[in-house]
């Protein structure tokens, strides 16, 4: 019942108009006190709701809720299973829990909000309600975990494809899993894997994109960030952009499955934010300085140190600009 009430409140408030607690209580057959408690719970999810005596409750600005029917219609492919959730712990964790028999190839989980969104290296991914994209896709790796090499790079290219197509914004890519605009972070990618190196295995590809960051949520982010709406000339429809990401991600994954990374190297290097620039590679307490020379066909960073090229194959590392 609690879930039904929250979903009704969210839909009622989404347009950004005042709606009285009495009216909401009548619609749901609960007391105004109960409505007030549920409104408080929604504000704790990051929804900016305020109340005015005599008028009721209102969102500070309208929210564009995800619409599964719109996404399915735009994809126009009955093989693609798309689930849309209001609140979930993590879209990646949700799919990982369903391995291996409850998923189909390319199945997608989207959420309005994550209570335990994850970034790389155990960091929390700030996930305010109804203003960003939190999307995960399951992808079966028939050739084993070795086929996962470069998956984050393939995913970054797919997100770039979708953003360019949808709002004509050119992003930058940072090895191994970040997407930038004008040198500032826009989105991140998290790959979870299960299986053995030489046996059929499983991957869940997670994507988090800042679309229209609420002011309150922004205070919880401890690095420079930007959001797509700040660079896009049209109002972003989250369902339309989600469908475009799903379409391009499937296309890039199929290309990678059939041909590897080699055909995508030029696309990556054209958007590599650090290509031929001085960088620092952080591995725990160790810092290695060098020049970024792009990536190779296995997805490794090619780092030039004292005139020698060294391939860096990911792991617990972080790439930064020299300054």
Protein backbone atom coordinates (compact mmCIF):
# COMPACT_ATOMS: atom_id res chain seq x y z
CA UNK A 1 0.00 0.00 0.00
CA UNK A 2 2.83 2.37 0.86
CA UNK A 3 4.33 1.90 -2.62
CA UNK A 4 0.95 2.60 -4.27
CA UNK A 5 0.50 5.78 -2.24
CA UNK A 6 3.97 7.07 -3.10
CA UNK A 7 3.47 6.36 -6.80
CA UNK A 8 0.13 8.21 -6.75
CA UNK A 9 1.66 11.20 -4.97
CA UNK A 10 4.56 11.34 -7.42
CA UNK A 11 2.24 11.28 -10.45
CA UNK A 12 -0.03 13.92 -8.86
CA UNK A 13 2.85 16.27 -8.09
CA UNK A 14 4.88 15.72 -11.29
CA UNK A 15 3.25 18.57 -13.23
CA UNK A 16 4.37 21.12 -10.66
CA UNK A 17 0.89 22.34 -9.66
CA UNK A 18 -0.53 22.73 -6.13
CA UNK A 19 -2.65 19.84 -4.89
CA UNK A 20 -4.29 19.79 -1.45
CA UNK A 21 -3.58 17.20 1.20
CA UNK A 22 -7.33 16.74 1.63
CA UNK A 23 -7.78 15.95 -2.07
CA UNK A 24 -4.88 13.50 -2.03
CA UNK A 25 -6.27 11.85 1.11
CA UNK A 26 -9.71 11.50 -0.47
CA UNK A 27 -8.24 9.96 -3.63
CA UNK A 28 -6.25 7.43 -1.62
CA UNK A 29 -8.71 6.93 1.24
CA UNK A 30 -6.14 7.86 3.88
CA UNK A 31 -5.85 10.73 6.38
CA UNK A 32 -4.14 14.07 5.74
CA UNK A 33 -1.67 13.09 8.46
CA UNK A 34 -0.76 9.97 6.49
CA UNK A 35 -0.32 12.08 3.35
CA UNK A 36 2.02 14.42 5.25
CA UNK A 37 4.16 11.45 6.35
CA UNK A 38 4.43 10.14 2.79
CA UNK A 39 5.30 13.63 1.50
CA UNK A 40 8.11 13.78 4.08
CA UNK A 41 9.40 10.40 2.86
CA UNK A 42 9.43 11.69 -0.72
CA UNK A 43 11.46 14.76 0.27
CA UNK A 44 14.02 12.38 1.79
CA UNK A 45 14.38 10.82 -1.68
CA UNK A 46 15.43 14.20 -3.04
CA UNK A 47 12.09 15.57 -4.26
CA UNK A 48 11.89 19.30 -3.51
CA UNK A 49 8.29 19.54 -2.23
CA UNK A 50 6.96 22.51 -0.29
CA UNK A 51 3.59 23.28 1.23
CA UNK A 52 1.49 26.45 1.48
CA UNK A 53 -1.41 26.70 3.93
CA UNK A 54 -4.70 26.73 2.06
CA UNK A 55 -3.11 25.54 -1.21
CA UNK A 56 -1.45 22.23 -0.43
CA UNK A 57 1.73 20.63 -1.76
CA UNK A 58 3.77 21.45 -4.82
CA UNK A 59 7.09 20.48 -6.41
CA UNK A 60 9.50 23.38 -6.79
CA UNK A 61 9.68 22.46 -10.48
CA UNK A 62 7.90 19.84 -12.63
CA UNK A 63 9.59 16.49 -13.19
CA UNK A 64 9.66 14.46 -16.38
CA UNK A 65 8.79 10.92 -15.26
CA UNK A 66 10.04 7.93 -17.23
CA UNK A 67 7.36 6.35 -19.42
CA UNK A 68 7.86 2.67 -20.25
CA UNK A 69 5.29 2.81 -23.07
CA UNK A 70 7.18 5.66 -24.76
CA UNK A 71 10.49 3.81 -24.45
CA UNK A 72 9.02 0.55 -25.82
CA UNK A 73 7.38 2.41 -28.70
CA UNK A 74 10.60 4.18 -29.70
CA UNK A 75 12.62 0.96 -29.53
CA UNK A 76 9.98 -0.94 -31.52
CA UNK A 77 11.67 -4.26 -30.74
CA UNK A 78 9.78 -6.90 -28.76
CA UNK A 79 13.05 -8.69 -27.95
CA UNK A 80 14.12 -5.84 -25.66
CA UNK A 81 12.79 -6.16 -22.12
CA UNK A 82 12.68 -2.80 -20.31
CA UNK A 83 11.72 -2.41 -16.64
CA UNK A 84 11.06 1.00 -15.09
CA UNK A 85 11.12 1.35 -11.29
CA UNK A 86 10.32 4.33 -9.09
CA UNK A 87 12.76 3.48 -6.31
CA UNK A 88 15.45 0.81 -6.34
CA UNK A 89 18.64 0.25 -4.38
CA UNK A 90 20.80 0.10 -7.52
CA UNK A 91 19.89 -0.75 -11.10
CA UNK A 92 23.12 -2.77 -11.39
CA UNK A 93 22.46 -4.66 -8.17
CA UNK A 94 18.88 -5.42 -9.25
CA UNK A 95 20.04 -7.13 -12.45
CA UNK A 96 22.97 -8.88 -10.75
CA UNK A 97 20.57 -10.47 -8.25
CA UNK A 98 18.59 -11.96 -11.14
CA UNK A 99 21.53 -13.72 -12.79
CA UNK A 100 21.59 -15.95 -14.68
CA UNK A 101 18.14 -17.32 -15.46
CA UNK A 102 15.79 -14.34 -14.96
CA UNK A 103 17.30 -12.14 -17.65
CA UNK A 104 17.34 -11.97 -21.43
CA UNK A 105 20.14 -10.57 -23.59
CA UNK A 106 20.05 -6.77 -23.55
CA UNK A 107 17.46 -6.55 -20.75
CA UNK A 108 17.30 -3.06 -19.24
CA UNK A 109 16.48 -1.70 -15.79
CA UNK A 110 15.73 2.02 -15.37
CA UNK A 111 14.91 3.84 -12.14
CA UNK A 112 13.62 7.23 -11.07
CA UNK A 113 15.78 7.06 -7.95
CA UNK A 114 18.47 4.86 -6.40
CA UNK A 115 18.85 4.51 -2.65
CA UNK A 116 22.31 2.91 -2.97
CA UNK A 117 23.68 3.97 -6.34
CA UNK A 118 27.33 3.00 -6.85
CA UNK A 119 30.22 4.52 -8.74
CA UNK A 120 33.67 3.05 -9.33
CA UNK A 121 35.97 2.17 -6.43
CA UNK A 122 33.08 1.92 -3.96
CA UNK A 123 32.02 5.54 -4.27
CA UNK A 124 28.38 6.55 -3.79
CA UNK A 125 26.56 7.80 -6.91
CA UNK A 126 24.27 10.69 -5.90
CA UNK A 127 20.85 9.71 -7.29
CA UNK A 128 18.11 12.36 -6.81
CA UNK A 129 14.58 11.45 -7.86
CA UNK A 130 13.31 11.96 -11.40
CA UNK A 131 16.03 14.27 -12.71
CA UNK A 132 18.79 12.02 -14.07
CA UNK A 133 19.21 8.74 -15.93
CA UNK A 134 20.05 5.55 -14.01
CA UNK A 135 20.17 2.71 -16.52
CA UNK A 136 21.63 -0.79 -16.47
CA UNK A 137 21.77 -3.41 -19.22
CA UNK A 138 22.52 -7.13 -19.02
CA UNK A 139 24.90 -8.52 -21.66
CA UNK A 140 25.84 -12.19 -21.97
CA UNK A 141 29.53 -12.83 -22.69
CA UNK A 142 29.68 -16.11 -24.60
CA UNK A 143 33.48 -16.03 -24.83
CA UNK A 144 33.99 -15.49 -21.10
CA UNK A 145 35.27 -12.59 -19.02
CA UNK A 146 38.04 -11.92 -21.53
CA UNK A 147 35.27 -10.52 -23.77
CA UNK A 148 34.63 -7.84 -21.15
CA UNK A 149 37.85 -6.02 -22.07
CA UNK A 150 36.88 -2.55 -23.18
CA UNK A 151 33.17 -2.77 -22.28
CA UNK A 152 33.27 0.57 -20.45
CA UNK A 153 34.81 2.22 -23.52
CA UNK A 154 32.17 0.71 -25.82
CA UNK A 155 29.48 1.98 -23.45
CA UNK A 156 30.96 5.49 -23.34
CA UNK A 157 30.92 5.62 -27.15
CA UNK A 158 27.27 4.51 -27.18
CA UNK A 159 26.28 7.24 -24.71
CA UNK A 160 28.17 9.74 -26.86
CA UNK A 161 26.28 8.51 -29.94
CA UNK A 162 22.93 8.93 -28.19
CA UNK A 163 23.63 12.41 -26.81
CA UNK A 164 24.92 13.62 -30.18
CA UNK A 165 21.83 12.24 -31.94
CA UNK A 166 19.34 13.51 -29.35
CA UNK A 167 20.54 17.04 -28.62
CA UNK A 168 23.53 17.63 -30.90
CA UNK A 169 26.00 17.96 -28.01
CA UNK A 170 29.50 16.55 -28.46
CA UNK A 171 30.89 15.00 -25.28
CA UNK A 172 34.44 14.03 -24.33
CA UNK A 173 35.52 10.59 -23.12
CA UNK A 174 37.94 9.81 -20.30
CA UNK A 175 39.49 6.38 -19.85
CA UNK A 176 38.26 4.11 -18.45
CA UNK A 177 34.68 5.04 -17.63
CA UNK A 178 33.79 8.76 -17.57
CA UNK A 179 32.02 11.13 -19.93
CA UNK A 180 32.79 14.85 -19.86
CA UNK A 181 31.56 18.12 -21.34
CA UNK A 182 34.13 20.93 -21.53
CA UNK A 183 36.45 19.00 -19.23
CA UNK A 184 33.85 18.51 -16.47
CA UNK A 185 32.18 15.21 -15.54
CA UNK A 186 28.73 14.55 -16.99
CA UNK A 187 28.30 10.78 -16.61
CA UNK A 188 29.90 7.62 -15.29
CA UNK A 189 29.88 3.94 -16.19
CA UNK A 190 30.08 0.92 -13.86
CA UNK A 191 30.60 -2.63 -15.16
CA UNK A 192 29.79 -5.61 -12.91
CA UNK A 193 30.94 -9.07 -14.00
CA UNK A 194 30.24 -12.65 -12.98
CA UNK A 195 31.84 -15.80 -14.40
CA UNK A 196 35.17 -17.34 -15.39
CA UNK A 197 37.84 -16.15 -17.80
CA UNK A 198 37.30 -18.86 -20.42
CA UNK A 199 33.67 -19.83 -19.76
CA UNK A 200 30.41 -18.11 -20.77
CA UNK A 201 29.93 -15.22 -18.35
CA UNK A 202 27.67 -12.31 -17.51
CA UNK A 203 28.01 -8.54 -17.44
CA UNK A 204 25.78 -5.75 -16.15
CA UNK A 205 26.54 -2.36 -17.64
CA UNK A 206 25.49 0.61 -15.51
CA UNK A 207 25.17 4.20 -16.74
CA UNK A 208 24.52 7.29 -14.62
CA UNK A 209 23.99 10.62 -16.41
CA UNK A 210 23.43 14.04 -14.87
CA UNK A 211 20.51 15.56 -16.78
CA UNK A 212 19.01 18.31 -14.64
CA UNK A 213 20.72 18.33 -11.26
CA UNK A 214 18.59 19.65 -8.35
CA UNK A 215 20.35 22.30 -6.30
CA UNK A 216 19.99 20.38 -3.03
CA UNK A 217 21.39 17.14 -4.47
CA UNK A 218 24.35 18.98 -6.00
CA UNK A 219 25.62 19.81 -2.50
CA UNK A 220 26.35 16.10 -1.91
CA UNK A 221 28.72 15.80 -4.90
CA UNK A 222 32.39 16.12 -4.00
CA UNK A 223 33.82 16.79 -7.48
CA UNK A 224 33.24 19.13 -10.38
CA UNK A 225 30.16 18.17 -12.40
CA UNK A 226 27.85 19.40 -15.12
CA UNK A 227 24.43 18.33 -16.36
CA UNK A 228 23.21 17.83 -19.91
CA UNK A 229 20.28 20.24 -19.76
CA UNK A 230 22.75 23.09 -19.20
CA UNK A 231 24.23 22.38 -22.65
CA UNK A 232 21.09 21.27 -24.54
CA UNK A 233 18.90 23.79 -26.38
CA UNK A 234 15.70 21.73 -25.99
CA UNK A 235 13.97 20.34 -22.93
CA UNK A 236 15.24 16.81 -22.43
CA UNK A 237 12.64 14.05 -22.38
CA UNK A 238 14.20 11.33 -20.23
CA UNK A 239 12.22 8.54 -21.90
CA UNK A 240 13.30 9.59 -25.38
CA UNK A 241 16.95 9.91 -24.38
CA UNK A 242 16.82 6.56 -22.53
CA UNK A 243 15.47 4.83 -25.65
CA UNK A 244 18.26 6.36 -27.73
CA UNK A 245 20.91 5.16 -25.25
CA UNK A 246 19.48 1.62 -25.26
CA UNK A 247 19.44 1.54 -29.07
CA UNK A 248 23.01 2.80 -29.45
CA UNK A 249 24.36 0.65 -26.62
CA UNK A 250 22.97 -2.54 -28.18
CA UNK A 251 24.42 -1.54 -31.56
CA UNK A 252 27.89 -0.85 -30.13
CA UNK A 253 27.84 -4.07 -28.08
CA UNK A 254 26.96 -6.16 -31.14
CA UNK A 255 29.75 -4.44 -33.10
CA UNK A 256 32.19 -5.15 -30.26
CA UNK A 257 31.04 -8.77 -30.03
CA UNK A 258 31.61 -9.31 -33.75
CA UNK A 259 34.66 -7.17 -34.45
CA UNK A 260 36.26 -6.13 -31.15
CA UNK A 261 37.42 -2.60 -30.32
CA UNK A 262 39.55 -2.00 -33.40
CA UNK A 263 36.80 -0.38 -35.55
CA UNK A 264 36.00 2.02 -32.70
CA UNK A 265 39.49 3.30 -31.95
CA UNK A 266 39.22 6.33 -34.24
CA UNK A 267 35.87 7.30 -32.68
CA UNK A 268 37.42 7.08 -29.21
CA UNK A 269 40.54 9.06 -30.06
CA UNK A 270 38.51 11.87 -31.62
CA UNK A 271 36.77 12.36 -28.26
CA UNK A 272 39.54 11.42 -25.81
CA UNK A 273 39.72 14.33 -23.36
CA UNK A 274 43.40 13.64 -22.50
CA UNK A 275 44.78 12.50 -25.86
CA UNK A 276 48.42 13.63 -26.23
CA UNK A 277 48.21 15.55 -22.96
CA UNK A 278 50.25 15.26 -19.78
CA UNK A 279 48.44 13.17 -17.17
CA UNK A 280 48.85 11.54 -13.77
CA UNK A 281 47.90 7.92 -13.12
CA UNK A 282 46.93 7.26 -9.50
CA UNK A 283 47.22 3.67 -8.20
CA UNK A 284 46.66 3.66 -4.46
CA UNK A 285 49.38 5.91 -3.04
CA UNK A 286 51.48 5.69 -6.20
CA UNK A 287 51.41 8.46 -8.81
CA UNK A 288 52.83 7.94 -12.32
CA UNK A 289 53.23 10.93 -14.62
CA UNK A 290 53.23 10.60 -18.39
CA UNK A 291 51.50 11.49 -21.64
CA UNK A 292 48.20 9.91 -22.69
CA UNK A 293 48.54 8.31 -26.14
CA UNK A 294 44.99 6.99 -26.34
CA UNK A 295 43.93 3.34 -26.08
CA UNK A 296 44.82 0.08 -27.82
CA UNK A 297 42.51 -2.53 -29.32
CA UNK A 298 42.21 -4.30 -25.95
CA UNK A 299 40.97 -1.17 -24.19
CA UNK A 300 44.20 -0.45 -22.35
CA UNK A 301 45.36 3.11 -21.76
CA UNK A 302 48.60 3.79 -23.65
CA UNK A 303 50.71 5.84 -21.27
CA UNK A 304 54.03 7.26 -22.45
CA UNK A 305 56.55 7.43 -19.61
CA UNK A 306 60.08 8.64 -20.36
CA UNK A 307 59.64 7.86 -24.06
CA UNK A 308 58.32 4.33 -23.45
CA UNK A 309 54.70 3.28 -24.12
CA UNK A 310 53.09 1.26 -21.33
CA UNK A 311 49.63 -0.35 -21.60
CA UNK A 312 47.51 0.17 -18.46
CA UNK A 313 44.68 -2.35 -18.14
CA UNK A 314 42.37 -0.70 -15.63
CA UNK A 315 41.77 -1.98 -12.13
CA UNK A 316 41.83 0.36 -9.14
CA UNK A 317 43.38 3.27 -11.00
CA UNK A 318 42.38 6.85 -11.63
CA UNK A 319 43.47 9.10 -14.50
CA UNK A 320 43.88 12.84 -13.91
CA UNK A 321 45.19 15.82 -15.79
CA UNK A 322 48.75 16.82 -14.96
CA UNK A 323 47.60 20.01 -13.22
